[in-house]
Amino acid sequence: MFALALRSLRRRASAFTAAFLAMFLGATMIMAFASMLDTAEGSGATGEAAETLSTMAIVVGGWGLLLVVFAVASTLTLSVRQRAAELALLKSAGATPAQLGRMIVGEAAGLAVAAALLAVVPAIPAGRALLGLLHGTGQVPAGIGYHFGPVALSMGIAVTLVSAVAAALITARRAVRVRVAESMAAAATDDARLSRKRIVFAAVFLLLAAFEAIITVTVMDGAGSDAMATSGQADIFAGIGLALLAPAIMRRVTALAAGPLRALGGAPGGLAAATMRRRTGALASAVTPVILFVATAVGTLFLQATENAAMDAAGLAKTAEQKSIETLNFVVIGMVVLFTAIMLVNTLVAATADRRREFGQTRLAGATPRQVLAAVALESAVLTVTGVLVGTVASVFTIVPFGLARRASAVPDGDVWTYLAVAALAAVLTGATAYGATRRTIRVPAVEAALR
């Protein structure tokens, strides 16, 4: 089955692009931050410099690891869902669930090894740029040179491989247990359902977010900037928890949006409503990076704004530790913005390319290319609004508790334009990517696309 997995990778390269990019970017990020540990050891850093380097590697790198595992699992799930008919055909030809499981895991392992090895090239300059940022802010002496060594390399390869195999095992277990007839039906409808394990994990992450919020309001009340240590991670926990519930959220959203889309959107609105109802699984995968992006960006930006307001009100200058925390916050924002933005583009491109046959059949049924583009634009608008609203709910787990603990106010400090800028960036990424991918897909003649 491993040989079959390799042949599948060669023949379906486009289908695995999203998963490969998730692993490649994840390995790059993990290696870049892990290299701070190599730098601390190789340069003989001591005191605050060593502590700063270790904190940057462990804290920010740890959150990056969590996002990477989640992104890899999401993209692998999308890849397997797109191949539901192929898997059902293999079952009908006599393939056993164990054989299909080994094939899926073999594909993921092959992708992970290739992605991790290739990630070494961009990880070195990325780690050097990160150290330069610490030099520029005065948190690490300029005499400390950059080192990329065994810690970064082993962590990048090991984490990428383990996360890919674990995600593949979870995905494969669910895909191969379904009977052939059910697999064919799933391939036709793409109606993702929440598994019991997914609900349990979602509940765990949401409970962790609520626990961090409660600790911030109670134990950390009056603790000053130390409250950022607990409140700063609540939005990521909440974002992941809500993203795990994305299939149920998107089913509810598509049901609510169907009427307004048909009433106000004309023919494209009716087309969008019909296709969204059939594609809740793909929509859930697409909305996930939007939720994570908005949750972390809004939560961290308003967290830092509240901290700055508290410092200004007290007439205090920032200490070296507080400057380090601020740098960490902005590095987190930059990391999440870049990673989730690329994953959003990656997921939408993969999902749209898989709709070539659907678009061809729709055009043969009488829809014009302009109507297809308009329908996709309406789908993107629904995705954006949903992702922004759900992500905003997740960010509340951070900004409200920290505001109460730091400023005795549930109203966060910060400019409303900051929030609008985050929402606008999410809208631009979603809309532009979906429009561009759809426009490229419908260039194929309708008859040719429908027969693929």
Protein backbone atom coordinates (compact mmCIF):
# COMPACT_ATOMS: atom_id res chain seq x y z
CA MET A 1 0.00 0.00 0.00
CA PHE A 2 2.97 2.33 0.49
CA ALA A 3 3.79 2.00 -3.21
CA LEU A 4 0.16 2.82 -4.01
CA ALA A 5 0.42 5.86 -1.73
CA LEU A 6 3.46 7.12 -3.64
CA ARG A 7 1.71 6.61 -7.00
CA SER A 8 -1.33 8.43 -5.61
CA LEU A 9 0.85 11.37 -4.61
CA ARG A 10 2.32 11.58 -8.11
CA ARG A 11 -1.01 11.32 -9.92
CA ARG A 12 -2.93 13.65 -7.60
CA ALA A 13 -0.31 16.27 -6.85
CA SER A 14 -2.80 19.15 -6.95
CA ALA A 15 -5.07 17.45 -4.41
CA PHE A 16 -2.23 17.20 -1.92
CA THR A 17 -0.90 20.73 -2.42
CA ALA A 18 -2.86 22.21 0.48
CA ALA A 19 -1.65 19.56 2.93
CA PHE A 20 1.94 19.85 1.70
CA LEU A 21 1.98 23.64 2.09
CA ALA A 22 0.54 23.36 5.60
CA MET A 23 3.35 21.00 6.57
CA PHE A 24 6.01 23.05 4.80
CA LEU A 25 4.99 26.35 6.39
CA GLY A 26 4.51 24.69 9.76
CA ALA A 27 7.95 23.08 9.68
CA THR A 28 9.49 26.40 8.65
CA MET A 29 7.85 28.21 11.56
CA ILE A 30 8.73 25.54 14.12
CA MET A 31 12.37 25.38 13.01
CA ALA A 32 12.73 29.17 12.99
CA PHE A 33 11.55 29.51 16.58
CA ALA A 34 13.30 26.34 17.78
CA SER A 35 16.58 27.72 16.43
CA MET A 36 16.46 30.27 19.26
CA LEU A 37 17.36 27.37 21.58
CA ASP A 38 20.32 26.49 19.33
CA THR A 39 21.28 30.17 19.35
CA ALA A 40 21.16 30.37 23.15
CA GLU A 41 23.35 27.29 23.51
CA GLY A 42 25.71 27.93 20.62
CA SER A 43 26.45 31.55 21.52
CA GLY A 44 26.77 30.96 25.25
CA ALA A 45 23.98 33.41 26.10
CA THR A 46 23.27 33.87 29.79
CA GLY A 47 20.89 35.82 32.04
CA GLU A 48 18.06 37.79 30.45
CA ALA A 49 19.29 37.11 26.92
CA ALA A 50 19.11 33.34 27.39
CA GLU A 51 15.71 33.65 29.05
CA THR A 52 14.36 35.78 26.21
CA LEU A 53 15.60 33.35 23.56
CA SER A 54 14.12 30.39 25.43
CA THR A 55 10.81 32.18 25.94
CA MET A 56 10.58 33.07 22.28
CA ALA A 57 11.23 29.45 21.30
CA ILE A 58 8.96 27.80 23.84
CA VAL A 59 6.03 30.21 24.16
CA VAL A 60 5.61 31.45 20.61
CA GLY A 61 6.91 28.24 19.10
CA GLY A 62 4.47 26.28 21.25
CA TRP A 63 1.50 28.23 19.95
CA GLY A 64 2.84 27.82 16.45
CA LEU A 65 2.98 24.07 17.01
CA LEU A 66 -0.66 23.99 18.08
CA LEU A 67 -1.73 25.94 15.00
CA VAL A 68 0.37 23.74 12.74
CA VAL A 69 -1.14 20.50 14.03
CA PHE A 70 -4.63 21.93 13.64
CA ALA A 71 -3.92 23.22 10.12
CA VAL A 72 -2.40 19.91 8.99
CA ALA A 73 -5.39 17.98 10.32
CA SER A 74 -7.80 20.38 8.59
CA THR A 75 -6.08 20.23 5.18
CA LEU A 76 -5.67 16.45 5.29
CA THR A 77 -9.36 16.11 6.10
CA LEU A 78 -10.18 18.29 3.07
CA SER A 79 -7.90 16.18 0.86
CA VAL A 80 -9.48 12.90 1.96
CA ARG A 81 -13.00 14.34 1.62
CA GLN A 82 -12.26 15.33 -1.98
CA ARG A 83 -11.27 11.72 -2.67
CA ALA A 84 -14.38 10.13 -1.14
CA ALA A 85 -15.49 8.64 -4.45
CA GLU A 86 -12.00 7.25 -5.13
CA LEU A 87 -11.85 5.61 -1.69
CA ALA A 88 -15.32 4.15 -2.19
CA LEU A 89 -14.20 2.70 -5.55
CA LEU A 90 -11.16 1.09 -3.91
CA LYS A 91 -13.44 -0.44 -1.27
CA SER A 92 -15.74 -1.86 -3.92
CA ALA A 93 -12.68 -3.33 -5.68
CA GLY A 94 -11.76 -5.25 -2.52
CA ALA A 95 -9.45 -2.94 -0.56
CA THR A 96 -9.77 -3.47 3.18
CA PRO A 97 -10.09 -0.63 5.71
CA ALA A 98 -6.60 -1.45 7.03
CA GLN A 99 -5.10 -1.17 3.54
CA LEU A 100 -6.80 2.17 2.88
CA GLY A 101 -5.67 3.43 6.26
CA ARG A 102 -2.05 2.51 5.51
CA MET A 103 -2.33 4.23 2.14
CA ILE A 104 -3.59 7.51 3.65
CA VAL A 105 -0.97 7.43 6.43
CA GLY A 106 1.75 6.62 3.90
CA GLU A 107 0.75 9.59 1.77
CA ALA A 108 0.85 11.89 4.81
CA ALA A 109 4.23 10.54 5.95
CA GLY A 110 5.74 11.02 2.49
CA LEU A 111 4.47 14.59 2.32
CA ALA A 112 5.71 15.34 5.84
CA VAL A 113 9.26 14.14 5.23
CA ALA A 114 9.55 16.08 1.97
CA ALA A 115 8.02 19.23 3.50
CA ALA A 116 10.25 19.15 6.59
CA LEU A 117 13.46 18.68 4.61
CA LEU A 118 12.60 21.48 2.17
CA ALA A 119 11.61 23.76 5.08
CA VAL A 120 15.22 23.93 6.28
CA VAL A 121 16.03 26.37 3.47
CA PRO A 122 13.57 29.17 4.46
CA ALA A 123 13.77 28.37 8.20
CA ILE A 124 17.38 29.56 8.49
CA PRO A 125 16.79 33.13 7.20
CA ALA A 126 13.49 33.26 9.10
CA GLY A 127 15.28 32.42 12.35
CA ARG A 128 18.01 34.94 11.59
CA ALA A 129 15.35 37.62 10.99
CA LEU A 130 13.72 36.73 14.31
CA LEU A 131 17.02 37.15 16.14
CA GLY A 132 17.52 40.47 14.33
CA LEU A 133 14.18 41.62 15.72
CA LEU A 134 15.37 40.81 19.23
CA HIS A 135 18.63 42.66 18.54
CA GLY A 136 16.72 45.68 17.30
CA THR A 137 14.54 45.90 20.41
CA GLY A 138 17.54 45.55 22.72
CA GLN A 139 16.31 42.33 24.30
CA VAL A 140 19.31 40.32 23.11
CA PRO A 141 22.85 41.78 22.83
CA ALA A 142 24.10 42.36 19.32
CA GLY A 143 27.13 40.17 20.03
CA ILE A 144 25.01 37.02 20.17
CA GLY A 145 25.20 35.35 16.77
CA TYR A 146 22.67 33.13 15.10
CA HIS A 147 22.94 29.34 15.24
CA PHE A 148 20.82 26.74 13.47
CA GLY A 149 21.49 23.30 14.87
CA PRO A 150 20.17 19.91 15.93
CA VAL A 151 17.36 21.23 18.14
CA ALA A 152 15.68 23.14 15.33
CA LEU A 153 16.23 20.37 12.81
CA SER A 154 15.01 17.54 15.03
CA MET A 155 11.99 19.46 16.30
CA GLY A 156 10.95 20.55 12.82
CA ILE A 157 11.17 17.08 11.30
CA ALA A 158 9.75 15.22 14.31
CA VAL A 159 6.82 17.55 14.93
CA THR A 160 5.87 17.71 11.25
CA LEU A 161 6.02 13.95 10.84
CA VAL A 162 4.19 13.14 14.07
CA SER A 163 1.46 15.72 13.50
CA ALA A 164 0.94 14.56 9.90
CA VAL A 165 0.75 10.89 10.84
CA ALA A 166 -1.55 11.60 13.79
CA ALA A 167 -3.85 13.72 11.63
CA ALA A 168 -3.83 11.04 8.92
CA LEU A 169 -4.72 8.32 11.42
CA ILE A 170 -7.68 10.34 12.68
CA THR A 171 -8.83 11.19 9.17
CA ALA A 172 -8.30 7.68 7.83
CA ARG A 173 -10.11 6.01 10.71
CA ARG A 174 -13.26 7.95 9.96
CA ALA A 175 -13.02 7.63 6.16
CA VAL A 176 -12.41 3.88 5.94
CA ARG A 177 -15.05 2.82 8.47
CA VAL A 178 -17.90 4.08 6.27
CA ARG A 179 -19.56 1.48 4.01
CA VAL A 180 -19.27 1.78 0.23
CA ALA A 181 -22.82 3.06 -0.35
CA GLU A 182 -22.40 5.64 2.40
CA SER A 183 -19.06 6.70 0.93
CA MET A 184 -20.66 7.33 -2.45
CA ALA A 185 -23.43 9.35 -0.83
CA ALA A 186 -20.87 11.37 1.15
CA ALA A 187 -18.91 12.07 -2.03
CA ALA A 188 -22.04 13.41 -3.69
CA THR A 189 -23.24 15.63 -0.84
CA ASP A 190 -20.11 16.63 1.12
CA ASP A 191 -22.31 17.10 4.18
CA ALA A 192 -19.79 16.98 7.03
CA ARG A 193 -21.05 15.80 10.37
CA LEU A 194 -19.59 16.39 13.79
CA SER A 195 -18.05 13.24 15.22
CA ARG A 196 -18.21 12.58 18.93
CA LYS A 197 -14.44 13.04 19.27
CA ARG A 198 -14.59 16.39 17.49
CA ILE A 199 -17.28 17.58 19.88
CA VAL A 200 -15.24 16.40 22.87
CA PHE A 201 -12.10 18.22 21.68
CA ALA A 202 -14.11 21.36 20.96
CA ALA A 203 -15.55 21.27 24.48
CA VAL A 204 -12.08 20.77 25.96
CA PHE A 205 -10.63 23.80 24.16
CA LEU A 206 -13.61 26.00 25.03
CA LEU A 207 -13.39 24.94 28.68
CA LEU A 208 -9.67 25.77 28.68
CA ALA A 209 -10.49 29.22 27.27
CA ALA A 210 -13.16 29.76 29.92
CA PHE A 211 -10.77 28.58 32.64
CA GLU A 212 -8.07 31.04 31.51
CA ALA A 213 -10.64 33.84 31.44
CA ILE A 214 -11.81 33.03 34.98
CA ILE A 215 -8.24 32.87 36.27
CA THR A 216 -7.52 36.25 34.71
CA VAL A 217 -10.53 37.91 36.33
CA THR A 218 -10.02 36.32 39.76
CA VAL A 219 -6.47 35.23 40.57
CA MET A 220 -4.74 37.74 38.26
CA ASP A 221 -6.93 40.72 39.17
CA GLY A 222 -4.57 43.52 40.20
CA ALA A 223 -1.49 41.56 39.07
CA GLY A 224 -0.65 44.17 36.42
CA SER A 225 0.90 43.04 33.16
CA ASP A 226 1.35 39.52 34.56
CA ALA A 227 -2.32 38.96 33.71
CA MET A 228 -1.29 38.82 30.05
CA ALA A 229 0.23 35.39 30.70
CA THR A 230 -3.20 33.83 31.26
CA SER A 231 -5.50 36.00 29.16
CA GLY A 232 -3.25 36.03 26.10
CA GLN A 233 -3.81 32.38 25.29
CA ALA A 234 -7.56 32.24 25.89
CA ASP A 235 -8.43 33.54 22.41
CA ILE A 236 -6.39 30.81 20.70
CA PHE A 237 -8.05 28.10 22.80
CA ALA A 238 -11.48 29.55 22.04
CA GLY A 239 -10.68 29.99 18.35
CA ILE A 240 -9.64 26.35 17.99
CA GLY A 241 -12.67 25.18 19.97
CA LEU A 242 -15.10 27.12 17.78
CA ALA A 243 -13.26 26.12 14.60
CA LEU A 244 -13.76 22.47 15.55
CA LEU A 245 -17.49 23.19 15.59
CA ALA A 246 -17.32 24.78 12.13
CA PRO A 247 -19.35 22.05 10.34
CA ALA A 248 -22.31 22.58 12.68
CA ILE A 249 -21.89 26.36 12.50
CA MET A 250 -21.83 26.36 8.69
CA ARG A 251 -24.89 24.09 8.47
CA ARG A 252 -26.80 26.58 10.60
CA VAL A 253 -25.46 29.57 8.67
CA THR A 254 -26.34 28.10 5.27
CA ALA A 255 -29.88 27.37 6.48
CA LEU A 256 -30.28 30.95 7.73
CA ALA A 257 -28.67 32.55 4.68
CA ALA A 258 -30.60 30.56 2.07
CA GLY A 259 -33.70 32.76 2.17
CA PRO A 260 -31.94 36.15 1.99
CA LEU A 261 -29.61 34.89 -0.75
CA ARG A 262 -32.51 33.74 -2.93
CA ALA A 263 -34.55 36.89 -2.24
CA LEU A 264 -31.78 39.45 -2.76
CA GLY A 265 -29.21 37.69 -4.91
CA GLY A 266 -31.35 36.68 -7.88
CA ALA A 267 -30.10 33.72 -9.91
CA PRO A 268 -26.57 33.84 -8.42
CA GLY A 269 -28.10 33.96 -4.94
CA GLY A 270 -30.20 30.87 -5.60
CA LEU A 271 -27.18 29.09 -7.02
CA ALA A 272 -25.07 30.04 -4.01
CA ALA A 273 -27.75 28.87 -1.57
CA ALA A 274 -28.06 25.50 -3.32
CA THR A 275 -24.32 24.82 -3.54
CA MET A 276 -23.60 25.94 0.02
CA ARG A 277 -26.18 23.50 1.34
CA ARG A 278 -24.36 20.65 -0.45
CA ARG A 279 -20.85 21.76 0.53
CA THR A 280 -20.90 22.34 4.29
CA GLY A 281 -17.77 20.24 4.75
CA ALA A 282 -15.69 22.32 2.36
CA LEU A 283 -17.16 25.54 3.77
CA ALA A 284 -16.20 24.45 7.29
CA SER A 285 -12.60 23.88 6.16
CA ALA A 286 -12.52 27.30 4.47
CA VAL A 287 -13.93 29.23 7.44
CA THR A 288 -11.49 27.69 9.93
CA PRO A 289 -8.45 29.88 9.08
CA VAL A 290 -10.69 32.99 9.10
CA ILE A 291 -11.84 32.18 12.64
CA LEU A 292 -8.29 31.60 13.87
CA PHE A 293 -6.99 34.73 12.17
CA VAL A 294 -9.66 37.05 13.56
CA ALA A 295 -9.63 35.50 17.05
CA THR A 296 -5.88 35.81 17.54
CA ALA A 297 -5.36 39.13 15.75
CA VAL A 298 -8.23 40.97 17.46
CA GLY A 299 -7.55 39.40 20.85
CA THR A 300 -3.81 40.16 20.86
CA LEU A 301 -4.06 43.67 19.37
CA PHE A 302 -6.70 44.81 21.87
CA LEU A 303 -4.88 43.05 24.70
CA GLN A 304 -1.76 45.08 23.96
CA ALA A 305 -3.82 48.28 23.55
CA THR A 306 -5.34 47.77 27.00
CA GLU A 307 -1.90 47.18 28.51
CA ASN A 308 -0.52 50.33 26.87
CA ALA A 309 -3.48 52.36 28.18
CA ALA A 310 -2.93 51.02 31.69
CA MET A 311 0.76 51.95 31.57
CA ASP A 312 -0.01 55.44 30.29
CA ALA A 313 -2.66 55.99 32.97
CA ALA A 314 -0.17 55.03 35.67
CA GLY A 315 2.55 57.21 34.16
CA LEU A 316 5.00 54.28 34.05
CA ALA A 317 7.69 53.44 31.54
CA LYS A 318 7.88 49.91 30.19
CA THR A 319 10.43 47.62 31.74
CA ALA A 320 12.64 45.28 29.72
CA GLU A 321 10.31 42.41 30.55
CA GLN A 322 7.26 44.36 29.40
CA LYS A 323 9.01 45.28 26.16
CA SER A 324 9.79 41.60 25.68
CA ILE A 325 6.13 40.70 26.22
CA GLU A 326 5.04 43.35 23.72
CA THR A 327 7.49 42.01 21.16
CA LEU A 328 6.16 38.51 21.78
CA ASN A 329 2.61 39.71 21.22
CA PHE A 330 3.42 41.35 17.91
CA VAL A 331 5.47 38.33 16.81
CA VAL A 332 2.45 36.16 17.60
CA ILE A 333 0.24 38.47 15.53
CA GLY A 334 2.67 38.43 12.63
CA MET A 335 3.06 34.67 12.81
CA VAL A 336 -0.67 34.01 12.96
CA VAL A 337 -1.50 36.58 10.27
CA LEU A 338 1.04 35.13 7.86
CA PHE A 339 0.28 31.49 8.60
CA THR A 340 -3.51 31.74 8.59
CA ALA A 341 -3.50 34.06 5.56
CA ILE A 342 -1.48 31.56 3.55
CA MET A 343 -3.61 28.69 4.83
CA LEU A 344 -6.79 30.59 3.91
CA VAL A 345 -5.55 31.17 0.37
CA ASN A 346 -4.25 27.61 0.18
CA THR A 347 -7.52 26.04 1.37
CA LEU A 348 -9.74 28.17 -0.86
CA VAL A 349 -7.63 27.50 -3.94
CA ALA A 350 -7.68 23.73 -3.27
CA ALA A 351 -11.42 23.71 -2.59
CA THR A 352 -12.23 25.82 -5.67
CA ALA A 353 -10.03 23.80 -8.01
CA ASP A 354 -11.91 20.68 -6.92
CA ARG A 355 -15.17 22.29 -8.14
CA ARG A 356 -14.17 22.35 -11.81
CA ARG A 357 -16.66 19.64 -12.73
CA GLU A 358 -19.41 21.31 -10.69
CA PHE A 359 -18.82 24.64 -12.43
CA GLY A 360 -18.84 22.91 -15.82
CA GLN A 361 -22.16 21.18 -15.13
CA THR A 362 -23.65 24.41 -13.82
CA ARG A 363 -22.71 26.25 -17.00
CA LEU A 364 -24.10 23.45 -19.17
CA ALA A 365 -27.35 23.78 -17.22
CA GLY A 366 -27.61 27.42 -18.34
CA ALA A 367 -25.63 29.52 -15.85
CA THR A 368 -23.30 32.11 -17.35
CA PRO A 369 -19.68 32.51 -16.19
CA ARG A 370 -20.65 35.86 -14.64
CA GLN A 371 -23.41 34.18 -12.61
CA VAL A 372 -20.98 31.51 -11.41
CA LEU A 373 -18.52 34.20 -10.30
CA ALA A 374 -21.31 36.14 -8.58
CA ALA A 375 -22.46 32.99 -6.74
CA VAL A 376 -18.93 32.32 -5.50
CA ALA A 377 -18.64 35.97 -4.40
CA LEU A 378 -21.82 35.57 -2.33
CA GLU A 379 -20.46 32.35 -0.80
CA SER A 380 -17.26 34.20 0.10
CA ALA A 381 -19.25 37.00 1.72
CA VAL A 382 -21.12 34.49 3.90
CA LEU A 383 -17.82 32.82 4.82
CA THR A 384 -16.20 36.13 5.73
CA VAL A 385 -19.07 37.36 7.88
CA THR A 386 -19.28 34.00 9.66
CA GLY A 387 -15.54 33.79 10.26
CA VAL A 388 -15.30 37.37 11.51
CA LEU A 389 -18.27 37.01 13.88
CA VAL A 390 -17.14 33.67 15.30
CA GLY A 391 -13.54 34.87 15.58
CA THR A 392 -14.72 37.99 17.40
CA VAL A 393 -16.59 35.81 19.90
CA ALA A 394 -13.36 33.87 20.51
CA SER A 395 -11.36 37.09 21.04
CA VAL A 396 -13.77 38.14 23.81
CA PHE A 397 -12.30 35.36 25.97
CA THR A 398 -9.09 37.44 26.04
CA ILE A 399 -9.96 41.11 25.83
CA VAL A 400 -12.87 41.29 28.31
CA PRO A 401 -11.20 39.38 31.21
CA PHE A 402 -7.95 41.29 30.75
CA GLY A 403 -9.80 44.61 30.65
CA LEU A 404 -11.54 43.74 33.93
CA ALA A 405 -8.30 42.63 35.59
CA ARG A 406 -6.11 45.47 34.30
CA ARG A 407 -8.47 48.44 33.95
CA ALA A 408 -11.62 47.34 35.84
CA SER A 409 -13.58 47.75 32.59
CA ALA A 410 -15.13 45.21 30.27
CA VAL A 411 -14.83 47.68 27.38
CA PRO A 412 -11.44 47.10 25.72
CA ASP A 413 -9.04 49.88 24.87
CA GLY A 414 -8.09 50.21 21.26
CA ASP A 415 -9.26 51.84 18.06
CA VAL A 416 -12.33 50.56 16.26
CA TRP A 417 -10.36 51.00 13.05
CA THR A 418 -8.04 48.24 14.23
CA TYR A 419 -10.97 45.84 14.34
CA LEU A 420 -12.26 47.02 10.97
CA ALA A 421 -8.80 46.58 9.46
CA VAL A 422 -8.65 42.96 10.65
CA ALA A 423 -12.14 42.28 9.27
CA ALA A 424 -11.28 44.01 5.98
CA LEU A 425 -8.10 41.97 5.57
CA ALA A 426 -10.07 38.76 6.15
CA ALA A 427 -12.64 39.88 3.57
CA VAL A 428 -10.01 40.80 0.97
CA LEU A 429 -8.14 37.52 1.39
CA THR A 430 -11.30 35.43 1.19
CA GLY A 431 -12.96 37.34 -1.64
CA ALA A 432 -9.91 37.89 -3.82
CA THR A 433 -8.73 34.29 -3.49
CA ALA A 434 -12.13 32.74 -4.22
CA TYR A 435 -12.73 35.07 -7.17
CA GLY A 436 -9.29 34.51 -8.69
CA ALA A 437 -9.42 30.72 -8.25
CA THR A 438 -12.93 30.53 -9.72
CA ARG A 439 -12.06 32.74 -12.68
CA ARG A 440 -9.09 30.52 -13.48
CA THR A 441 -11.18 27.34 -13.08
CA ILE A 442 -14.01 28.41 -15.41
CA ARG A 443 -11.60 29.18 -18.23
CA VAL A 444 -11.82 25.48 -19.04
CA PRO A 445 -14.61 24.83 -21.57
CA ALA A 446 -17.80 23.71 -19.86
CA VAL A 447 -18.06 20.37 -21.67
CA GLU A 448 -14.44 19.48 -20.94
CA ALA A 449 -14.78 20.48 -17.28
CA ALA A 450 -18.03 18.52 -16.82
CA LEU A 451 -16.45 15.31 -18.09
CA ARG A 452 -13.46 15.44 -15.74
